[in-house]
Amino acid sequence: MPELPEVEVTRRGFADRIAGARIDAVRIGKPLRWALMVLPEALVGRKVLQVRRRGKYLLIDLDQGILLLHLGMSGSLRFDMTLPPPGVHDHFDLVTDRGTLRLNDPRRFGAVVYVEHEDAPWAIKLLGGLGMEPLGDAFDLDAFHAGLKKRKSAVKQVLLAGDVVVGVGNIYASEALFQAGIRPTLSAARISRPRAAKLHAAVREILARAVEKGGSTLRDFSGVDGKNGYFQLEATVYGRAGEPCRVCATPIRLLRQGQRSTYYCPNCQK
């Protein structure tokens, strides 16, 4: 599933190029997770102002309204002046005078939803429960620690939930917890402020590094230019079960949490 770094890499790949574009046509293929919520022809003639990100959602601001776009489990975007005819898994084309933005999604868990503004019911439904953004100034340490203290669940599960901090997907949660020296099964409520500070810094550093590396390509993610991400190649624990820890040489262990794979070092993470 594309996580925050992959979505941010995607945004950066086309945001500057599509800003200021006029929408000339909208094509919808097979139904996605949610309906567009507006007639496609109603978007023709509108202008793209900017592309933002909130968690794993892309927000395409128009001169009238906003398109909320989610990549789902397997979605990816392409943006170019010339694209081939839509294929069987191409479910949304936003045709502009600066190029076509195309959503490809084999599993169709992605979505493009139109809302009039961020206070609209659908916008609140999709964005209202999201936690702090980890890459900006809004990622406050005190608020992060307070959020952890309220949760008795395992800290990795709390990171994945997205209501304390958004976008820390499975691979990045494992990596951040290793860097902070925290066992993934530890109750979030038991994490002291000093250890929360280490985790706070690790989350920021790991996600920023992932964006720099173009995200992670574990199955089918690629950026708008078709290039794969490379963060997974330098992972310290993720995907390395049985291999020696890069710090202490203890074999990396694998366990299942919430039906997700968790990798950790039993010696480095307490």
Protein backbone atom coordinates (compact mmCIF):
# COMPACT_ATOMS: atom_id res chain seq x y z
CA MET A 1 0.00 0.00 0.00
CA PRO A 2 1.38 3.46 -0.84
CA GLU A 3 2.12 5.21 2.46
CA LEU A 4 2.89 8.85 3.25
CA PRO A 5 6.36 8.89 1.62
CA GLU A 6 5.03 7.33 -1.58
CA VAL A 7 2.11 9.77 -1.69
CA GLU A 8 4.43 12.73 -1.08
CA VAL A 9 6.79 11.52 -3.80
CA THR A 10 3.79 11.25 -6.12
CA ARG A 11 2.64 14.78 -5.23
CA ARG A 12 6.03 16.28 -5.87
CA GLY A 13 6.20 14.53 -9.21
CA PHE A 14 3.35 16.50 -10.79
CA ALA A 15 2.22 19.33 -8.47
CA ASP A 16 4.28 22.09 -10.07
CA ARG A 17 3.47 20.94 -13.60
CA ILE A 18 -0.30 20.80 -13.17
CA ALA A 19 -0.64 24.05 -11.17
CA GLY A 20 -2.48 26.60 -13.29
CA ALA A 21 -3.85 24.02 -15.73
CA ARG A 22 -7.38 24.18 -17.16
CA ILE A 23 -9.48 21.00 -17.05
CA ASP A 24 -10.55 20.05 -20.58
CA ALA A 25 -12.17 16.67 -19.92
CA VAL A 26 -12.72 14.02 -17.23
CA ARG A 27 -12.89 10.31 -18.01
CA ILE A 28 -14.13 7.74 -15.49
CA GLY A 29 -13.57 4.00 -15.97
CA LYS A 30 -14.77 1.22 -13.69
CA PRO A 31 -16.22 2.29 -10.31
CA LEU A 32 -13.67 3.01 -7.60
CA ARG A 33 -14.06 2.80 -3.83
CA TRP A 34 -16.26 5.91 -3.69
CA ALA A 35 -18.13 7.83 -6.36
CA LEU A 36 -16.80 11.11 -7.75
CA MET A 37 -19.78 12.93 -6.18
CA VAL A 38 -20.13 15.31 -9.14
CA LEU A 39 -20.89 14.93 -12.84
CA PRO A 40 -17.55 14.71 -14.71
CA GLU A 41 -18.58 17.39 -17.18
CA ALA A 42 -19.16 19.83 -14.29
CA LEU A 43 -15.38 19.95 -13.75
CA VAL A 44 -14.60 20.98 -17.33
CA GLY A 45 -13.29 24.53 -17.52
CA ARG A 46 -12.16 24.68 -13.90
CA LYS A 47 -8.60 25.62 -13.03
CA VAL A 48 -6.11 23.64 -10.93
CA LEU A 49 -4.62 25.91 -8.28
CA GLN A 50 -2.31 23.60 -6.34
CA VAL A 51 -1.80 20.04 -5.07
CA ARG A 52 -1.49 19.44 -1.33
CA ARG A 53 -1.23 16.32 0.82
CA ARG A 54 -3.03 15.38 4.04
CA GLY A 55 -1.89 12.04 5.36
CA LYS A 56 -2.22 9.66 2.42
CA TYR A 57 -4.74 11.87 0.58
CA LEU A 58 -3.83 14.21 -2.26
CA LEU A 59 -5.90 17.39 -2.31
CA ILE A 60 -6.15 18.97 -5.76
CA ASP A 61 -7.41 22.50 -5.14
CA LEU A 62 -9.53 23.88 -7.96
CA ASP A 63 -10.81 27.42 -8.42
CA GLN A 64 -14.13 25.86 -7.41
CA GLY A 65 -13.92 22.89 -5.06
CA ILE A 66 -11.35 20.21 -4.23
CA LEU A 67 -10.60 16.75 -5.59
CA LEU A 68 -9.61 14.31 -2.82
CA LEU A 69 -7.53 11.51 -4.30
CA HIS A 70 -6.45 8.30 -2.55
CA LEU A 71 -4.21 5.63 -4.10
CA GLY A 72 -5.81 2.77 -2.16
CA MET A 73 -3.87 -0.50 -1.92
CA SER A 74 -2.25 -0.58 -5.34
CA GLY A 75 -2.90 2.73 -7.09
CA SER A 76 -0.41 4.94 -8.90
CA LEU A 77 -0.57 8.16 -10.88
CA ARG A 78 0.92 9.23 -14.18
CA PHE A 79 1.02 12.77 -15.53
CA ASP A 80 2.16 13.57 -19.05
CA MET A 81 1.19 15.47 -22.16
CA THR A 82 0.87 12.21 -24.08
CA LEU A 83 -0.36 8.98 -22.52
CA PRO A 84 -1.43 5.77 -24.29
CA PRO A 85 -5.14 4.93 -24.54
CA PRO A 86 -6.59 3.94 -21.13
CA GLY A 87 -6.01 0.32 -20.16
CA VAL A 88 -8.23 -2.02 -18.17
CA HIS A 89 -6.86 -0.73 -14.84
CA ASP A 90 -6.92 2.98 -15.73
CA HIS A 91 -9.99 4.28 -13.93
CA PHE A 92 -9.70 8.07 -13.88
CA ASP A 93 -8.25 10.63 -16.31
CA LEU A 94 -8.12 14.34 -15.53
CA VAL A 95 -7.33 15.84 -18.93
CA THR A 96 -5.86 19.35 -18.76
CA ASP A 97 -4.17 21.74 -21.15
CA ARG A 98 -0.86 20.85 -19.49
CA GLY A 99 -1.21 17.09 -19.55
CA THR A 100 -3.35 14.17 -18.36
CA LEU A 101 -3.36 12.95 -14.77
CA ARG A 102 -4.24 9.23 -14.79
CA LEU A 103 -5.06 6.94 -11.86
CA ASN A 104 -4.16 3.30 -12.42
CA ASP A 105 -5.49 0.94 -9.74
CA PRO A 106 -5.68 -2.83 -10.35
CA ARG A 107 -7.56 -3.50 -7.10
CA ARG A 108 -9.84 -0.43 -7.28
CA PHE A 109 -9.51 0.52 -3.61
CA GLY A 110 -8.43 4.01 -4.62
CA ALA A 111 -10.79 6.91 -5.06
CA VAL A 112 -11.28 10.41 -6.44
CA VAL A 113 -13.95 12.40 -4.58
CA TYR A 114 -15.09 15.96 -5.28
CA VAL A 115 -16.00 18.22 -2.36
CA GLU A 116 -16.91 21.88 -2.37
CA HIS A 117 -14.61 22.69 0.59
CA GLU A 118 -12.78 21.03 3.49
CA ASP A 119 -15.75 21.50 5.81
CA ALA A 120 -18.02 19.49 3.51
CA PRO A 121 -19.37 16.24 5.03
CA TRP A 122 -17.31 13.93 2.80
CA ALA A 123 -14.13 15.90 3.48
CA ILE A 124 -14.73 15.66 7.23
CA LYS A 125 -15.50 11.94 6.92
CA LEU A 126 -12.24 11.22 5.09
CA LEU A 127 -9.88 13.73 6.70
CA GLY A 128 -11.42 14.60 10.05
CA GLY A 129 -9.92 11.74 12.08
CA LEU A 130 -6.35 12.07 10.84
CA GLY A 131 -3.56 12.69 13.33
CA MET A 132 -0.62 15.08 13.16
CA GLU A 133 1.48 15.46 10.02
CA PRO A 134 4.91 14.03 10.86
CA LEU A 135 6.96 16.07 8.39
CA GLY A 136 5.77 19.55 9.32
CA ASP A 137 5.95 21.92 12.27
CA ALA A 138 2.57 20.62 13.48
CA PHE A 139 4.22 17.40 14.68
CA ASP A 140 4.46 18.49 18.31
CA LEU A 141 6.38 16.30 20.77
CA ASP A 142 4.14 17.03 23.75
CA ALA A 143 1.00 16.24 21.77
CA PHE A 144 2.64 13.07 20.42
CA HIS A 145 3.57 11.85 23.89
CA ALA A 146 0.12 12.73 25.22
CA GLY A 147 -1.46 10.74 22.40
CA LEU A 148 0.69 7.70 23.19
CA LYS A 149 -0.14 7.88 26.91
CA LYS A 150 -3.85 7.55 26.13
CA ARG A 151 -3.39 4.26 24.29
CA LYS A 152 -2.81 0.86 25.91
CA SER A 153 -2.29 -0.92 22.60
CA ALA A 154 1.13 -1.95 21.35
CA VAL A 155 3.05 1.10 20.16
CA LYS A 156 3.42 -0.21 16.60
CA GLN A 157 -0.34 -0.61 16.31
CA VAL A 158 -0.82 2.94 17.57
CA LEU A 159 1.61 4.27 14.96
CA LEU A 160 -0.26 2.43 12.21
CA ALA A 161 -3.70 3.62 13.39
CA GLY A 162 -3.08 7.14 12.08
CA ASP A 163 -5.07 9.06 14.69
CA VAL A 164 -2.00 10.14 16.69
CA VAL A 165 0.33 10.68 13.73
CA VAL A 166 -0.51 9.98 10.09
CA GLY A 167 1.35 8.10 7.42
CA VAL A 168 3.65 5.85 9.47
CA GLY A 169 3.03 2.70 7.47
CA ASN A 170 4.22 -0.79 8.28
CA ILE A 171 7.77 -0.60 6.97
CA TYR A 172 8.36 2.85 8.44
CA ALA A 173 6.92 1.95 11.85
CA SER A 174 9.30 -1.01 12.13
CA GLU A 175 12.25 1.14 11.09
CA ALA A 176 11.39 4.05 13.40
CA LEU A 177 10.91 1.77 16.41
CA PHE A 178 14.28 0.15 15.75
CA GLN A 179 15.99 3.51 15.49
CA ALA A 180 14.34 4.62 18.75
CA GLY A 181 15.26 1.34 20.49
CA ILE A 182 11.64 0.53 21.40
CA ARG A 183 10.13 -2.97 21.28
CA PRO A 184 7.08 -2.91 18.92
CA THR A 185 4.95 -4.86 21.41
CA LEU A 186 5.41 -2.34 24.24
CA SER A 187 2.20 -0.60 25.33
CA ALA A 188 2.18 2.97 24.03
CA ALA A 189 0.98 4.17 27.42
CA ARG A 190 4.21 2.93 29.05
CA ILE A 191 6.53 5.01 26.87
CA SER A 192 8.26 7.75 28.86
CA ARG A 193 8.71 11.25 27.49
CA PRO A 194 12.45 10.75 26.76
CA ARG A 195 11.69 7.60 24.79
CA ALA A 196 8.78 9.34 23.08
CA ALA A 197 11.22 12.06 22.04
CA LYS A 198 13.49 9.44 20.45
CA LEU A 199 10.54 7.92 18.61
CA HIS A 200 9.29 11.35 17.53
CA ALA A 201 12.70 12.14 16.02
CA ALA A 202 12.97 8.69 14.44
CA VAL A 203 9.57 8.97 12.75
CA ARG A 204 10.51 12.34 11.23
CA GLU A 205 13.94 11.13 10.10
CA ILE A 206 12.77 7.81 8.64
CA LEU A 207 9.88 9.35 6.68
CA ALA A 208 12.03 12.22 5.38
CA ARG A 209 14.68 9.73 4.28
CA ALA A 210 12.04 7.61 2.55
CA VAL A 211 10.77 10.62 0.60
CA GLU A 212 14.36 11.41 -0.40
CA LYS A 213 14.77 7.85 -1.69
CA GLY A 214 11.56 7.98 -3.72
CA GLY A 215 9.53 5.89 -1.26
CA SER A 216 9.52 2.09 -1.07
CA THR A 217 8.63 -0.28 -3.88
CA LEU A 218 7.67 -3.57 -2.26
CA ARG A 219 5.24 -4.68 -4.97
CA ASP A 220 3.93 -2.27 -7.57
CA PHE A 221 4.46 1.33 -6.42
CA SER A 222 6.11 3.76 -8.80
CA GLY A 223 6.15 7.55 -9.01
CA VAL A 224 4.45 9.63 -11.68
CA ASP A 225 7.56 9.19 -13.83
CA GLY A 226 7.30 5.38 -13.57
CA LYS A 227 10.42 5.06 -11.39
CA ASN A 228 10.54 2.77 -8.36
CA GLY A 229 11.42 3.83 -4.83
CA TYR A 230 14.60 2.60 -3.15
CA PHE A 231 14.18 3.09 0.60
CA GLN A 232 13.51 -0.62 1.13
CA LEU A 233 17.05 -1.39 -0.01
CA GLU A 234 18.52 0.29 3.08
CA ALA A 235 16.01 -0.99 5.65
CA THR A 236 17.67 -1.97 8.93
CA VAL A 237 15.06 -4.50 10.11
CA TYR A 238 12.10 -4.66 7.71
CA GLY A 239 12.18 -7.79 5.54
CA ARG A 240 15.36 -9.07 7.24
CA ALA A 241 14.01 -11.86 9.49
CA GLY A 242 16.82 -14.22 10.49
CA GLU A 243 19.52 -11.90 9.22
CA PRO A 244 22.00 -10.31 11.67
CA CYS A 245 21.17 -6.93 13.15
CA ARG A 246 23.33 -4.26 11.54
CA VAL A 247 24.18 -2.94 15.03
CA CYS A 248 24.64 -5.98 17.29
CA ALA A 249 24.50 -9.00 14.93
CA THR A 250 21.56 -10.59 16.81
CA PRO A 251 19.18 -12.28 14.34
CA ILE A 252 16.22 -10.08 13.40
CA ARG A 253 12.89 -11.53 14.51
CA LEU A 254 9.51 -11.54 12.79
CA LEU A 255 6.12 -11.50 14.48
CA ARG A 256 2.55 -10.75 13.42
CA GLN A 257 0.68 -7.76 14.83
CA GLY A 258 -2.82 -7.06 13.57
CA GLN A 259 -2.13 -9.36 10.61
CA ARG A 260 0.88 -7.24 9.63
CA SER A 261 4.51 -8.34 9.69
CA THR A 262 6.68 -6.73 12.35
CA TYR A 263 10.47 -6.93 12.30
CA TYR A 264 12.65 -6.06 15.29
CA CYS A 265 15.93 -6.75 17.06
CA PRO A 266 15.34 -8.41 20.45
CA ASN A 267 18.62 -7.02 21.75
CA CYS A 268 18.54 -3.41 20.52
CA GLN A 269 14.82 -2.84 21.16
CA LYS A 270 13.72 -2.94 24.80
